């Protein structure tokens, strides 16, 4: 049995390229917020 995998970078890039400009702005804002929350969690 063989299995093929797709690199996560390709999946991410494919998903991002399918987004509209508005969706991409929303995604980028959410990513920035998530990163800030992770940094805060590390401090606590």
N, C-alpha and C. Protein backbone atom coordinates (compact mmCIF):
# COMPACT_ATOMS: atom_id res chain seq x y z
N UNK A 1 0.84 -1.18 0.00
CA UNK A 1 0.00 0.00 0.00
C UNK A 1 0.89 1.24 0.00
N UNK A 2 0.59 2.15 -0.89
CA UNK A 2 1.35 3.40 -0.93
C UNK A 2 0.43 4.55 -0.56
N UNK A 3 1.01 5.47 0.12
CA UNK A 3 0.26 6.68 0.46
C UNK A 3 1.05 7.88 -0.03
N UNK A 4 0.32 8.87 -0.47
CA UNK A 4 0.99 10.09 -0.89
C UNK A 4 0.55 11.20 0.05
N UNK A 5 1.45 12.07 0.32
CA UNK A 5 1.14 13.19 1.19
C UNK A 5 1.41 14.48 0.44
N UNK A 6 0.74 15.50 0.88
CA UNK A 6 0.93 16.83 0.30
C UNK A 6 1.58 17.69 1.36
N UNK A 7 2.66 18.36 1.04
CA UNK A 7 3.30 19.23 2.03
C UNK A 7 2.31 20.29 2.52
N UNK A 8 2.36 20.60 3.81
CA UNK A 8 1.41 21.56 4.37
C UNK A 8 1.57 22.94 3.75
N UNK A 9 2.79 23.28 3.33
CA UNK A 9 3.01 24.57 2.69
C UNK A 9 2.19 24.69 1.41
N UNK A 10 2.11 23.61 0.66
CA UNK A 10 1.33 23.62 -0.59
C UNK A 10 -0.15 23.77 -0.30
N UNK A 11 -0.62 23.05 0.71
CA UNK A 11 -2.04 23.14 1.09
C UNK A 11 -2.36 24.55 1.53
N UNK A 12 -1.48 25.13 2.37
CA UNK A 12 -1.68 26.51 2.84
C UNK A 12 -1.70 27.48 1.67
N UNK A 13 -0.73 27.37 0.79
CA UNK A 13 -0.64 28.28 -0.35
C UNK A 13 -1.85 28.15 -1.27
N UNK A 14 -2.32 26.92 -1.48
CA UNK A 14 -3.50 26.70 -2.30
C UNK A 14 -4.73 27.36 -1.66
N UNK A 15 -4.85 27.21 -0.35
CA UNK A 15 -5.99 27.80 0.36
C UNK A 15 -5.94 29.33 0.30
N UNK A 16 -4.76 29.89 0.52
CA UNK A 16 -4.62 31.34 0.51
C UNK A 16 -4.88 31.91 -0.87
N UNK A 17 -4.45 31.24 -1.91
CA UNK A 17 -4.63 31.76 -3.26
C UNK A 17 -6.10 31.72 -3.69
N UNK A 18 -6.90 30.87 -3.05
CA UNK A 18 -8.32 30.77 -3.39
C UNK A 18 -9.17 31.84 -2.69
N UNK A 19 -8.56 32.59 -1.76
CA UNK A 19 -9.29 33.60 -1.00
C UNK A 19 -9.46 34.89 -1.79
N UNK A 20 -10.57 35.57 -1.51
CA UNK A 20 -10.74 36.91 -2.07
C UNK A 20 -9.88 37.87 -1.26
N UNK A 21 -9.75 39.09 -1.73
CA UNK A 21 -8.94 40.08 -1.01
C UNK A 21 -9.50 40.32 0.39
N UNK A 22 -10.80 40.39 0.51
CA UNK A 22 -11.43 40.60 1.81
C UNK A 22 -11.20 39.44 2.76
N UNK A 23 -11.32 38.23 2.23
CA UNK A 23 -11.08 37.04 3.05
C UNK A 23 -9.63 36.99 3.50
N UNK A 24 -8.73 37.40 2.62
CA UNK A 24 -7.31 37.38 2.96
C UNK A 24 -7.00 38.40 4.04
N UNK A 25 -7.62 39.58 3.97
CA UNK A 25 -7.43 40.59 5.02
C UNK A 25 -7.90 40.05 6.37
N UNK A 26 -9.06 39.39 6.36
CA UNK A 26 -9.61 38.81 7.58
C UNK A 26 -8.69 37.72 8.12
N UNK A 27 -8.17 36.89 7.23
CA UNK A 27 -7.27 35.81 7.61
C UNK A 27 -5.98 36.38 8.23
N UNK A 28 -5.42 37.38 7.57
CA UNK A 28 -4.18 37.97 8.07
C UNK A 28 -4.38 38.61 9.44
N UNK A 29 -5.51 39.31 9.63
CA UNK A 29 -5.80 39.92 10.92
C UNK A 29 -5.95 38.86 12.00
N UNK A 30 -6.63 37.77 11.69
CA UNK A 30 -6.80 36.68 12.65
C UNK A 30 -5.47 36.02 12.98
N UNK A 31 -4.60 35.89 11.99
CA UNK A 31 -3.28 35.28 12.22
C UNK A 31 -2.44 36.16 13.15
N UNK A 32 -2.52 37.46 12.96
CA UNK A 32 -1.77 38.39 13.83
C UNK A 32 -2.30 38.30 15.26
N UNK A 33 -3.63 38.26 15.40
CA UNK A 33 -4.23 38.14 16.73
C UNK A 33 -3.85 36.82 17.39
N UNK A 34 -3.87 35.74 16.64
CA UNK A 34 -3.51 34.43 17.19
C UNK A 34 -2.05 34.43 17.66
N UNK A 35 -1.18 35.03 16.89
CA UNK A 35 0.24 35.09 17.27
C UNK A 35 0.40 35.89 18.56
N UNK A 36 -0.32 37.00 18.69
CA UNK A 36 -0.25 37.80 19.91
C UNK A 36 -0.76 37.01 21.11
N UNK A 37 -1.83 36.24 20.92
CA UNK A 37 -2.35 35.42 22.01
C UNK A 37 -1.34 34.35 22.43
N UNK A 38 -0.66 33.75 21.46
CA UNK A 38 0.35 32.74 21.79
C UNK A 38 1.50 33.35 22.57
N UNK A 39 1.93 34.55 22.16
CA UNK A 39 3.02 35.20 22.87
C UNK A 39 2.61 35.54 24.30
N UNK A 40 1.36 36.01 24.49
CA UNK A 40 0.86 36.31 25.82
C UNK A 40 0.80 35.04 26.67
N UNK A 41 0.34 33.95 26.08
CA UNK A 41 0.27 32.68 26.80
C UNK A 41 1.64 32.22 27.27
N UNK A 42 2.66 32.47 26.46
CA UNK A 42 4.02 32.08 26.84
C UNK A 42 4.51 32.88 28.03
N UNK A 43 4.05 34.13 28.15
CA UNK A 43 4.46 34.97 29.27
C UNK A 43 3.80 34.53 30.58
N UNK A 44 2.61 33.97 30.46
CA UNK A 44 1.86 33.58 31.66
C UNK A 44 2.35 32.26 32.10
